Amino acid sequence: MTSKQLRVGIVQHACVEDPSVNLRTSEAAIRAAAAQGAQLVLLQELHTSLYFCQHESTDLFDLAEPIPGPSSDFLGALASELGVVIVGSLFERRAPGLYHNTAVVLERDGSLAGIYRKMHIPDDPGYYEKFYFTPGDAASASSGPGFAPIDTSVGRLGVLVCWDQWYPEAARLMALAGADLLLYPTAIGWNPQDPTEEQGRQRDAWVTIQRAHAVANGLPVLVANRVGFEPDPTGQWPGAQFWGHSFAAGPQGELLAVGDEREEVLLVDIDLQRSENVRRWWPFLRDRRIDAYGDLTRRFRD
């Protein structure tokens, strides 16, 4: 079948305390990607701030903002000026005492195409997200409940966020709802005190699970992760060394572009039509035994 090319930009950068500086850093990267022909730009998780979830403080809820709000308006204006679709990631204040980790999709005309509220929320040393974020619900996306792709001029975007990337169920449900791509804004790093071998195992697992989502669903996968060391201001945790290594994978899990641990913009051409070919060769969706999967809705099969 004939190809359908989409040039995407994947941005990874370090963050500082001042949100306006972080937005300008993201802006410069988006402009660089657009200047090289990108039609879609993916930003990392919570790119307007330091990763504040290393400790718990009610004062940090002041970082949250409504959607639409200042940051989404800023990204929308930039999308309109450059004629690109932008996927950002914001700390959303939905109501007093109700906050989400929310991906926003800005259409090339600047309008808000949709949002996705992170569904899987971790709670680990240095990643105390359950204190800050309510899981997504039936209002998570513009097009319907739960894991619903967002329609844009460049395709149906299956936007998920960070911890969601470890769950094959989330990727599958996006694929079953007609997503053309899977996108993961991410903030993941090492404990700098972990042995080098353990750090390598963690990063390899992170890459492998997402490449597997591409294979199992016959879809391209885009991943943007932040870079740089961010200390825990309380001193209770060694801090996080965000490992970058943003990447794009094709529908057979093939790596199309891979970053390293520095600030950069990855540019990659995705053939959206290739998913059709791959799904014809490997008809995993056809051969699913949906009659036998009832136990997937149980927490554990005792």
C-alpha atoms as a PDB file:
ATOM      1  CA  MET A   1       0.000   0.000   0.000  1.00  0.00           C
ATOM      2  CA  THR A   2       1.138   3.587  -0.568  1.00  0.00           C
ATOM      3  CA  SER A   3       2.844   5.385   2.314  1.00  0.00           C
ATOM      4  CA  LYS A   4       1.387   8.207   4.406  1.00  0.00           C
ATOM      5  CA  GLN A   5       4.278  10.148   5.871  1.00  0.00           C
ATOM      6  CA  LEU A   6       4.086  12.167   9.086  1.00  0.00           C
ATOM      7  CA  ARG A   7       7.118  14.060  10.363  1.00  0.00           C
ATOM      8  CA  VAL A   8       7.179  14.279  14.139  1.00  0.00           C
ATOM      9  CA  GLY A   9       9.389  16.097  16.605  1.00  0.00           C
ATOM     10  CA  ILE A  10      10.126  14.646  20.034  1.00  0.00           C
ATOM     11  CA  VAL A  11      11.475  17.109  22.602  1.00  0.00           C
ATOM     12  CA  GLN A  12      13.561  16.357  25.675  1.00  0.00           C
ATOM     13  CA  HIS A  13      15.008  19.049  27.908  1.00  0.00           C
ATOM     14  CA  ALA A  14      15.965  19.843  31.491  1.00  0.00           C
ATOM     15  CA  CYS A  15      13.649  21.930  33.678  1.00  0.00           C
ATOM     16  CA  VAL A  16      14.220  24.718  36.188  1.00  0.00           C
ATOM     17  CA  GLU A  17      12.103  26.232  38.946  1.00  0.00           C
ATOM     18  CA  ASP A  18      10.685  29.110  36.868  1.00  0.00           C
ATOM     19  CA  PRO A  19       7.723  27.886  34.734  1.00  0.00           C
ATOM     20  CA  SER A  20       8.116  30.755  32.258  1.00  0.00           C
ATOM     21  CA  VAL A  21      11.694  29.672  31.528  1.00  0.00           C
ATOM     22  CA  ASN A  22      10.574  26.080  30.968  1.00  0.00           C
ATOM     23  CA  LEU A  23       7.833  27.176  28.583  1.00  0.00           C
ATOM     24  CA  ARG A  24      10.348  29.227  26.610  1.00  0.00           C
ATOM     25  CA  THR A  25      12.671  26.230  26.451  1.00  0.00           C
ATOM     26  CA  SER A  26       9.830  24.099  25.115  1.00  0.00           C
ATOM     27  CA  GLU A  27       8.918  26.869  22.687  1.00  0.00           C
ATOM     28  CA  ALA A  28      12.439  27.030  21.248  1.00  0.00           C
ATOM     29  CA  ALA A  29      12.420  23.267  20.708  1.00  0.00           C
ATOM     30  CA  ILE A  30       8.976  23.341  19.078  1.00  0.00           C
ATOM     31  CA  ARG A  31      10.118  26.103  16.741  1.00  0.00           C
ATOM     32  CA  ALA A  32      13.228  24.119  15.848  1.00  0.00           C
ATOM     33  CA  ALA A  33      11.133  21.041  15.067  1.00  0.00           C
ATOM     34  CA  ALA A  34       8.623  23.028  12.993  1.00  0.00           C
ATOM     35  CA  ALA A  35      11.461  24.674  11.036  1.00  0.00           C
ATOM     36  CA  GLN A  36      12.559  21.175  10.021  1.00  0.00           C
ATOM     37  CA  GLY A  37       9.106  20.207   8.820  1.00  0.00           C
ATOM     38  CA  ALA A  38       7.557  18.599  11.897  1.00  0.00           C
ATOM     39  CA  GLN A  39       3.749  18.411  11.721  1.00  0.00           C
ATOM     40  CA  LEU A  40       3.391  16.968  15.236  1.00  0.00           C
ATOM     41  CA  VAL A  41       5.525  17.798  18.293  1.00  0.00           C
ATOM     42  CA  LEU A  42       5.528  15.769  21.523  1.00  0.00           C
ATOM     43  CA  LEU A  43       6.737  17.333  24.786  1.00  0.00           C
ATOM     44  CA  GLN A  44       7.797  15.535  27.969  1.00  0.00           C
ATOM     45  CA  GLU A  45       5.703  15.032  31.103  1.00  0.00           C
ATOM     46  CA  LEU A  46       5.091  18.121  33.294  1.00  0.00           C
ATOM     47  CA  HIS A  47       7.444  20.202  31.171  1.00  0.00           C
ATOM     48  CA  THR A  48       6.522  23.558  32.773  1.00  0.00           C
ATOM     49  CA  SER A  49       8.089  22.747  36.165  1.00  0.00           C
ATOM     50  CA  LEU A  50      10.627  20.727  38.058  1.00  0.00           C
ATOM     51  CA  TYR A  51       9.391  17.225  38.855  1.00  0.00           C
ATOM     52  CA  PHE A  52       7.793  18.274  42.138  1.00  0.00           C
ATOM     53  CA  CYS A  53       6.535  14.811  43.151  1.00  0.00           C
ATOM     54  CA  GLN A  54       9.818  13.856  44.835  1.00  0.00           C
ATOM     55  CA  HIS A  55       8.208  14.932  48.116  1.00  0.00           C
ATOM     56  CA  GLU A  56       4.756  15.845  49.455  1.00  0.00           C
ATOM     57  CA  SER A  57       3.785  19.460  50.112  1.00  0.00           C
ATOM     58  CA  THR A  58       0.379  21.095  49.879  1.00  0.00           C
ATOM     59  CA  ASP A  59       2.104  24.331  48.820  1.00  0.00           C
ATOM     60  CA  LEU A  60       3.016  22.701  45.513  1.00  0.00           C
ATOM     61  CA  PHE A  61      -0.623  22.573  44.446  1.00  0.00           C
ATOM     62  CA  ASP A  62      -0.089  26.250  43.605  1.00  0.00           C
ATOM     63  CA  LEU A  63       1.755  25.033  40.492  1.00  0.00           C
ATOM     64  CA  ALA A  64      -1.495  23.695  39.036  1.00  0.00           C
ATOM     65  CA  GLU A  65      -3.586  25.641  36.537  1.00  0.00           C
ATOM     66  CA  PRO A  66      -6.911  25.229  34.767  1.00  0.00           C
ATOM     67  CA  ILE A  67      -7.295  23.883  31.246  1.00  0.00           C
ATOM     68  CA  PRO A  68      -7.887  25.984  29.216  1.00  0.00           C
ATOM     69  CA  GLY A  69      -5.467  28.228  31.063  1.00  0.00           C
ATOM     70  CA  PRO A  70      -2.212  30.149  30.648  1.00  0.00           C
ATOM     71  CA  SER A  71       0.031  27.284  29.528  1.00  0.00           C
ATOM     72  CA  SER A  72      -2.472  25.643  27.191  1.00  0.00           C
ATOM     73  CA  ASP A  73      -3.245  29.081  25.703  1.00  0.00           C
ATOM     74  CA  PHE A  74       0.485  29.668  25.181  1.00  0.00           C
ATOM     75  CA  LEU A  75       0.911  26.320  23.425  1.00  0.00           C
ATOM     76  CA  GLY A  76      -2.248  26.898  21.383  1.00  0.00           C
ATOM     77  CA  ALA A  77      -0.988  30.237  20.105  1.00  0.00           C
ATOM     78  CA  LEU A  78       2.307  28.607  19.170  1.00  0.00           C
ATOM     79  CA  ALA A  79       0.530  25.740  17.391  1.00  0.00           C
ATOM     80  CA  SER A  80      -1.515  28.263  15.403  1.00  0.00           C
ATOM     81  CA  GLU A  81       1.511  30.383  14.479  1.00  0.00           C
ATOM     82  CA  LEU A  82       3.583  27.397  13.327  1.00  0.00           C
ATOM     83  CA  GLY A  83       0.774  25.262  11.908  1.00  0.00           C
ATOM     84  CA  VAL A  84       1.699  22.196  13.955  1.00  0.00           C
ATOM     85  CA  VAL A  85      -0.099  19.886  16.370  1.00  0.00           C
ATOM     86  CA  ILE A  86       1.435  20.040  19.868  1.00  0.00           C
ATOM     87  CA  VAL A  87       1.067  17.491  22.657  1.00  0.00           C
ATOM     88  CA  GLY A  88       1.911  19.027  26.032  1.00  0.00           C
ATOM     89  CA  SER A  89       1.681  17.847  29.638  1.00  0.00           C
ATOM     90  CA  LEU A  90       0.352  20.015  32.475  1.00  0.00           C
ATOM     91  CA  PHE A  91      -0.529  19.929  36.174  1.00  0.00           C
ATOM     92  CA  GLU A  92      -4.262  20.573  35.955  1.00  0.00           C
ATOM     93  CA  ARG A  93      -6.418  22.264  38.598  1.00  0.00           C
ATOM     94  CA  ARG A  94      -9.823  20.868  37.732  1.00  0.00           C
ATOM     95  CA  ALA A  95     -11.574  22.149  40.879  1.00  0.00           C
ATOM     96  CA  PRO A  96     -10.570  23.128  44.412  1.00  0.00           C
ATOM     97  CA  GLY A  97      -8.821  20.073  45.860  1.00  0.00           C
ATOM     98  CA  LEU A  98      -9.059  18.127  42.577  1.00  0.00           C
ATOM     99  CA  TYR A  99      -5.934  17.932  40.441  1.00  0.00           C
ATOM    100  CA  HIS A 100      -4.768  15.821  37.505  1.00  0.00           C
ATOM    101  CA  ASN A 101      -1.655  15.017  35.521  1.00  0.00           C
ATOM    102  CA  THR A 102      -3.073  15.972  32.141  1.00  0.00           C
ATOM    103  CA  ALA A 103      -1.887  15.782  28.554  1.00  0.00           C
ATOM    104  CA  VAL A 104      -3.219  18.489  26.245  1.00  0.00           C
ATOM    105  CA  VAL A 105      -3.445  18.308  22.472  1.00  0.00           C
ATOM    106  CA  LEU A 106      -3.424  21.612  20.584  1.00  0.00           C
ATOM    107  CA  GLU A 107      -4.605  21.536  16.986  1.00  0.00           C
ATOM    108  CA  ARG A 108      -2.706  23.412  14.291  1.00  0.00           C
ATOM    109  CA  ASP A 109      -5.321  26.178  14.359  1.00  0.00           C
ATOM    110  CA  GLY A 110      -4.613  26.705  18.067  1.00  0.00           C
ATOM    111  CA  SER A 111      -7.786  25.066  19.351  1.00  0.00           C
ATOM    112  CA  LEU A 112      -7.796  22.510  22.143  1.00  0.00           C
ATOM    113  CA  ALA A 113      -8.376  19.204  20.357  1.00  0.00           C
ATOM    114  CA  GLY A 114      -8.685  17.250  23.594  1.00  0.00           C
ATOM    115  CA  ILE A 115      -7.139  16.205  26.880  1.00  0.00           C
ATOM    116  CA  TYR A 116      -6.137  12.955  28.522  1.00  0.00           C
ATOM    117  CA  ARG A 117      -5.902  12.652  32.304  1.00  0.00           C
ATOM    118  CA  LYS A 118      -3.289  10.145  33.453  1.00  0.00           C
ATOM    119  CA  MET A 119      -4.999   6.938  34.574  1.00  0.00           C
ATOM    120  CA  HIS A 120      -2.220   4.984  36.323  1.00  0.00           C
ATOM    121  CA  ILE A 121      -0.731   6.947  39.219  1.00  0.00           C
ATOM    122  CA  PRO A 122       2.489   5.704  40.908  1.00  0.00           C
ATOM    123  CA  ASP A 123       3.459   6.041  44.554  1.00  0.00           C
ATOM    124  CA  ASP A 124       7.106   5.146  45.057  1.00  0.00           C
ATOM    125  CA  PRO A 125      10.113   6.751  46.764  1.00  0.00           C
ATOM    126  CA  GLY A 126      10.789   9.940  44.828  1.00  0.00           C
ATOM    127  CA  TYR A 127       7.573   9.577  42.792  1.00  0.00           C
ATOM    128  CA  TYR A 128       4.774  10.470  45.226  1.00  0.00           C
ATOM    129  CA  GLU A 129       2.184  11.145  42.549  1.00  0.00           C
ATOM    130  CA  LYS A 130      -0.835   9.770  44.404  1.00  0.00           C
ATOM    131  CA  PHE A 131      -0.557  12.728  46.782  1.00  0.00           C
ATOM    132  CA  TYR A 132      -0.981  15.175  43.889  1.00  0.00           C
ATOM    133  CA  PHE A 133      -2.966  13.510  41.108  1.00  0.00           C
ATOM    134  CA  THR A 134      -6.460  12.073  40.894  1.00  0.00           C
ATOM    135  CA  PRO A 135      -6.664   9.301  38.258  1.00  0.00           C
ATOM    136  CA  GLY A 136      -8.487  10.098  35.040  1.00  0.00           C
ATOM    137  CA  ASP A 137     -12.166   9.287  34.747  1.00  0.00           C
ATOM    138  CA  ALA A 138     -15.024   9.370  32.248  1.00  0.00           C
ATOM    139  CA  ALA A 139     -14.152  12.975  31.354  1.00  0.00           C
ATOM    140  CA  SER A 140     -10.563  12.090  30.550  1.00  0.00           C
ATOM    141  CA  ALA A 141     -10.725  12.641  26.811  1.00  0.00           C
ATOM    142  CA  SER A 142     -12.763  14.725  24.413  1.00  0.00           C
ATOM    143  CA  SER A 143     -14.058  11.782  22.428  1.00  0.00           C
ATOM    144  CA  GLY A 144     -15.397   9.549  25.189  1.00  0.00           C
ATOM    145  CA  PRO A 145     -14.738   7.749  28.468  1.00  0.00           C
ATOM    146  CA  GLY A 146     -11.574   6.016  29.577  1.00  0.00           C
ATOM    147  CA  PHE A 147      -8.792   5.399  27.090  1.00  0.00           C
ATOM    148  CA  ALA A 148     -10.011   7.371  24.093  1.00  0.00           C
ATOM    149  CA  PRO A 149      -7.835   8.691  21.238  1.00  0.00           C
ATOM    150  CA  ILE A 150      -7.956  12.373  20.353  1.00  0.00           C
ATOM    151  CA  ASP A 151      -8.811  13.261  16.760  1.00  0.00           C
ATOM    152  CA  THR A 152      -6.483  15.763  15.064  1.00  0.00           C
ATOM    153  CA  SER A 153      -5.579  16.861  11.561  1.00  0.00           C
ATOM    154  CA  VAL A 154      -2.546  14.539  11.640  1.00  0.00           C
ATOM    155  CA  GLY A 155      -4.388  11.464  12.882  1.00  0.00           C
ATOM    156  CA  ARG A 156      -6.029   9.874  15.921  1.00  0.00           C
ATOM    157  CA  LEU A 157      -3.586  10.253  18.798  1.00  0.00           C
ATOM    158  CA  GLY A 158      -3.576   7.634  21.542  1.00  0.00           C
ATOM    159  CA  VAL A 159      -2.089   9.883  24.210  1.00  0.00           C
ATOM    160  CA  LEU A 160      -1.053   8.227  27.486  1.00  0.00           C
ATOM    161  CA  VAL A 161       1.256   9.502  30.244  1.00  0.00           C
ATOM    162  CA  CYS A 162       4.397   8.005  31.835  1.00  0.00           C
ATOM    163  CA  TRP A 163       3.309   5.299  34.318  1.00  0.00           C
ATOM    164  CA  ASP A 164       0.608   4.307  31.801  1.00  0.00           C
ATOM    165  CA  GLN A 165       3.460   3.080  29.584  1.00  0.00           C
ATOM    166  CA  TRP A 166       3.960  -0.031  31.727  1.00  0.00           C
ATOM    167  CA  TYR A 167       0.398  -1.278  31.169  1.00  0.00           C
ATOM    168  CA  PRO A 168      -0.397  -3.238  27.990  1.00  0.00           C
ATOM    169  CA  GLU A 169      -4.109  -2.831  28.723  1.00  0.00           C
ATOM    170  CA  ALA A 170      -3.906   0.939  28.203  1.00  0.00           C
ATOM    171  CA  ALA A 171      -2.097   0.619  24.879  1.00  0.00           C
ATOM    172  CA  ARG A 172      -4.498  -2.074  23.702  1.00  0.00           C
ATOM    173  CA  LEU A 173      -7.600  -0.068  24.570  1.00  0.00           C
ATOM    174  CA  MET A 174      -6.240   2.942  22.676  1.00  0.00           C
ATOM    175  CA  ALA A 175      -5.553   0.691  19.686  1.00  0.00           C
ATOM    176  CA  LEU A 176      -9.031  -0.844  19.860  1.00  0.00           C
ATOM    177  CA  ALA A 177     -10.504   2.667  19.859  1.00  0.00           C
ATOM    178  CA  GLY A 178      -8.757   3.423  16.559  1.00  0.00           C
ATOM    179  CA  ALA A 179      -5.549   5.226  17.554  1.00  0.00           C
ATOM    180  CA  ASP A 180      -3.064   5.806  14.724  1.00  0.00           C
ATOM    181  CA  LEU A 181      -0.137   6.380  17.095  1.00  0.00           C
ATOM    182  CA  LEU A 182       0.642   5.887  20.782  1.00  0.00           C
ATOM    183  CA  LEU A 183       2.304   8.850  22.523  1.00  0.00           C
ATOM    184  CA  TYR A 184       3.880   8.885  25.986  1.00  0.00           C
ATOM    185  CA  PRO A 185       4.998  12.135  27.647  1.00  0.00           C
ATOM    186  CA  THR A 186       7.364  10.880  30.354  1.00  0.00           C
ATOM    187  CA  ALA A 187       9.425  11.856  33.400  1.00  0.00           C
ATOM    188  CA  ILE A 188      11.485   8.858  34.481  1.00  0.00           C
ATOM    189  CA  GLY A 189      14.937   8.666  35.939  1.00  0.00           C
ATOM    190  CA  TRP A 190      17.356   6.731  38.089  1.00  0.00           C
ATOM    191  CA  ASN A 191      18.124   6.936  41.730  1.00  0.00           C
ATOM    192  CA  PRO A 192      21.719   8.172  41.276  1.00  0.00           C
ATOM    193  CA  GLN A 193      22.814   5.827  44.061  1.00  0.00           C
ATOM    194  CA  ASP A 194      21.693   2.710  42.185  1.00  0.00           C
ATOM    195  CA  PRO A 195      24.480   0.558  40.690  1.00  0.00           C
ATOM    196  CA  THR A 196      25.203   1.117  37.010  1.00  0.00           C
ATOM    197  CA  GLU A 197      23.981  -2.384  36.186  1.00  0.00           C
ATOM    198  CA  GLU A 198      20.618  -1.726  37.852  1.00  0.00           C
ATOM    199  CA  GLN A 199      20.248   1.581  36.057  1.00  0.00           C
ATOM    200  CA  GLY A 200      20.830  -0.169  32.750  1.00  0.00           C
ATOM    201  CA  ARG A 201      18.248  -2.856  33.518  1.00  0.00           C
ATOM    202  CA  GLN A 202      15.650  -0.230  34.360  1.00  0.00           C
ATOM    203  CA  ARG A 203      16.151   1.737  31.172  1.00  0.00           C
ATOM    204  CA  ASP A 204      16.227  -1.396  29.022  1.00  0.00           C
ATOM    205  CA  ALA A 205      12.943  -2.550  30.575  1.00  0.00           C
ATOM    206  CA  TRP A 206      11.404   0.867  29.896  1.00  0.00           C
ATOM    207  CA  VAL A 207      12.351   0.738  26.227  1.00  0.00           C
ATOM    208  CA  THR A 208      11.357  -2.910  25.830  1.00  0.00           C
ATOM    209  CA  ILE A 209       7.850  -2.594  27.270  1.00  0.00           C
ATOM    210  CA  GLN A 210       6.998   0.292  24.954  1.00  0.00           C
ATOM    211  CA  ARG A 211       8.456  -1.367  21.886  1.00  0.00           C
ATOM    212  CA  ALA A 212       6.277  -4.340  22.817  1.00  0.00           C
ATOM    213  CA  HIS A 213       3.199  -2.088  22.757  1.00  0.00           C
ATOM    214  CA  ALA A 214       4.141  -1.142  19.197  1.00  0.00           C
ATOM    215  CA  VAL A 215       4.471  -4.813  18.196  1.00  0.00           C
ATOM    216  CA  ALA A 216       1.344  -6.070  19.960  1.00  0.00           C
ATOM    217  CA  ASN A 217      -0.841  -3.346  18.458  1.00  0.00           C
ATOM    218  CA  GLY A 218       0.851  -2.738  15.112  1.00  0.00           C
ATOM    219  CA  LEU A 219       1.217   0.975  15.848  1.00  0.00           C
ATOM    220  CA  PRO A 220       4.050   3.529  15.968  1.00  0.00           C
ATOM    221  CA  VAL A 221       5.032   4.659  19.463  1.00  0.00           C
ATOM    222  CA  LEU A 222       6.484   8.075  20.388  1.00  0.00           C
ATOM    223  CA  VAL A 223       8.121   8.665  23.781  1.00  0.00           C
ATOM    224  CA  ALA A 224       9.463  11.964  25.191  1.00  0.00           C
ATOM    225  CA  ASN A 225      11.424  11.868  28.466  1.00  0.00           C
ATOM    226  CA  ARG A 226      13.053  14.729  30.350  1.00  0.00           C
ATOM    227  CA  VAL A 227      16.778  15.010  31.097  1.00  0.00           C
ATOM    228  CA  GLY A 228      18.972  16.423  33.866  1.00  0.00           C
ATOM    229  CA  PHE A 229      19.466  15.940  37.592  1.00  0.00           C
ATOM    230  CA  GLU A 230      16.811  17.300  39.943  1.00  0.00           C
ATOM    231  CA  PRO A 231      17.577  17.165  43.679  1.00  0.00           C
ATOM    232  CA  ASP A 232      14.955  16.511  46.322  1.00  0.00           C
ATOM    233  CA  PRO A 233      14.700  19.849  48.161  1.00  0.00           C
ATOM    234  CA  THR A 234      13.884  18.036  51.422  1.00  0.00           C
ATOM    235  CA  GLY A 235      17.037  15.919  51.305  1.00  0.00           C
ATOM    236  CA  GLN A 236      15.062  12.760  52.115  1.00  0.00           C
ATOM    237  CA  TRP A 237      15.707  11.236  48.681  1.00  0.00           C
ATOM    238  CA  PRO A 238      18.908  11.303  46.594  1.00  0.00           C
ATOM    239  CA  GLY A 239      17.122  13.101  43.773  1.00  0.00           C
ATOM    240  CA  ALA A 240      16.364  11.950  40.248  1.00  0.00           C
ATOM    241  CA  GLN A 241      18.694  11.708  37.286  1.00  0.00           C
ATOM    242  CA  PHE A 242      16.283  11.770  34.360  1.00  0.00           C
ATOM    243  CA  TRP A 243      17.731   9.579  31.669  1.00  0.00           C
ATOM    244  CA  GLY A 244      16.269  11.048  28.469  1.00  0.00           C
ATOM    245  CA  HIS A 245      16.634   8.485  25.675  1.00  0.00           C
ATOM    246  CA  SER A 246      13.384   9.603  24.052  1.00  0.00           C
ATOM    247  CA  PHE A 247      12.575   7.451  21.059  1.00  0.00           C
ATOM    248  CA  ALA A 248      10.241   6.552  18.227  1.00  0.00           C
ATOM    249  CA  ALA A 249       9.410   2.970  17.296  1.00  0.00           C
ATOM    250  CA  GLY A 250       7.597   1.629  14.261  1.00  0.00           C
ATOM    251  CA  PRO A 251       4.717  -0.872  14.276  1.00  0.00           C
ATOM    252  CA  GLN A 252       7.086  -3.858  14.448  1.00  0.00           C
ATOM    253  CA  GLY A 253       8.960  -2.311  17.353  1.00  0.00           C
ATOM    254  CA  GLU A 254      11.792  -1.144  15.119  1.00  0.00           C
ATOM    255  CA  LEU A 255      13.651   1.856  16.548  1.00  0.00           C
ATOM    256  CA  LEU A 256      13.350   4.817  14.200  1.00  0.00           C
ATOM    257  CA  ALA A 257      15.063   7.448  16.354  1.00  0.00           C
ATOM    258  CA  VAL A 258      16.728   7.371  19.774  1.00  0.00           C
ATOM    259  CA  GLY A 259      17.987  10.232  21.912  1.00  0.00           C
ATOM    260  CA  ASP A 260      20.673  10.261  24.558  1.00  0.00           C
ATOM    261  CA  GLU A 261      20.922  12.075  27.908  1.00  0.00           C
ATOM    262  CA  ARG A 262      21.288  15.636  26.600  1.00  0.00           C
ATOM    263  CA  GLU A 263      18.756  18.233  25.552  1.00  0.00           C
ATOM    264  CA  GLU A 264      17.705  17.614  21.964  1.00  0.00           C
ATOM    265  CA  VAL A 265      14.902  17.464  19.434  1.00  0.00           C
ATOM    266  CA  LEU A 266      14.448  14.173  17.603  1.00  0.00           C
ATOM    267  CA  LEU A 267      12.997  14.394  14.096  1.00  0.00           C
ATOM    268  CA  VAL A 268      11.552  11.260  12.563  1.00  0.00           C
ATOM    269  CA  ASP A 269       9.328  10.419   9.609  1.00  0.00           C
ATOM    270  CA  ILE A 270       6.532   7.972  10.464  1.00  0.00           C
ATOM    271  CA  ASP A 271       4.781   5.983   7.750  1.00  0.00           C
ATOM    272  CA  LEU A 272       1.241   5.737   9.107  1.00  0.00           C
ATOM    273  CA  GLN A 273       0.196   3.403   6.310  1.00  0.00           C
ATOM    274  CA  ARG A 274       2.758   0.841   7.434  1.00  0.00           C
ATOM    275  CA  SER A 275       0.479  -0.102  10.349  1.00  0.00           C
ATOM    276  CA  GLU A 276      -2.062  -1.434   7.856  1.00  0.00           C
ATOM    277  CA  ASN A 277       0.572  -3.594   6.179  1.00  0.00           C
ATOM    278  CA  VAL A 278       1.953  -4.927   9.460  1.00  0.00           C
ATOM    279  CA  ARG A 279      -1.501  -5.782  10.784  1.00  0.00           C
ATOM    280  CA  ARG A 280      -2.164  -7.762   7.597  1.00  0.00           C
ATOM    281  CA  TRP A 281       1.050  -9.747   8.102  1.00  0.00           C
ATOM    282  CA  TRP A 282       0.594 -10.172  11.858  1.00  0.00           C
ATOM    283  CA  PRO A 283      -3.191 -10.171  12.518  1.00  0.00           C
ATOM    284  CA  PHE A 284      -3.017 -10.083  16.307  1.00  0.00           C
ATOM    285  CA  LEU A 285      -6.334  -8.237  16.592  1.00  0.00           C
ATOM    286  CA  ARG A 286      -8.069 -10.881  14.482  1.00  0.00           C
ATOM    287  CA  ASP A 287      -6.846 -13.748  16.640  1.00  0.00           C
ATOM    288  CA  ARG A 288      -7.638 -12.292  20.064  1.00  0.00           C
ATOM    289  CA  ARG A 289      -9.735 -14.688  22.190  1.00  0.00           C
ATOM    290  CA  ILE A 290     -12.050 -12.063  23.638  1.00  0.00           C
ATOM    291  CA  ASP A 291     -14.340 -14.849  24.883  1.00  0.00           C
ATOM    292  CA  ALA A 292     -11.599 -16.023  27.272  1.00  0.00           C
ATOM    293  CA  TYR A 293     -10.313 -12.749  28.725  1.00  0.00           C
ATOM    294  CA  GLY A 294     -12.912 -12.097  31.432  1.00  0.00           C
ATOM    295  CA  ASP A 295     -10.404 -12.498  34.261  1.00  0.00           C
ATOM    296  CA  LEU A 296      -8.489  -9.434  33.067  1.00  0.00           C
ATOM    297  CA  THR A 297     -10.971  -7.287  34.961  1.00  0.00           C
ATOM    298  CA  ARG A 298     -10.004  -8.967  38.264  1.00  0.00           C
ATOM    299  CA  ARG A 299      -7.224  -7.608  40.486  1.00  0.00           C
ATOM    300  CA  PHE A 300      -5.702 -11.095  40.864  1.00  0.00           C
ATOM    301  CA  ARG A 301      -6.864 -14.601  40.121  1.00  0.00           C
ATOM    302  CA  ASP A 302      -6.784 -16.344  43.523  1.00  0.00           C
END
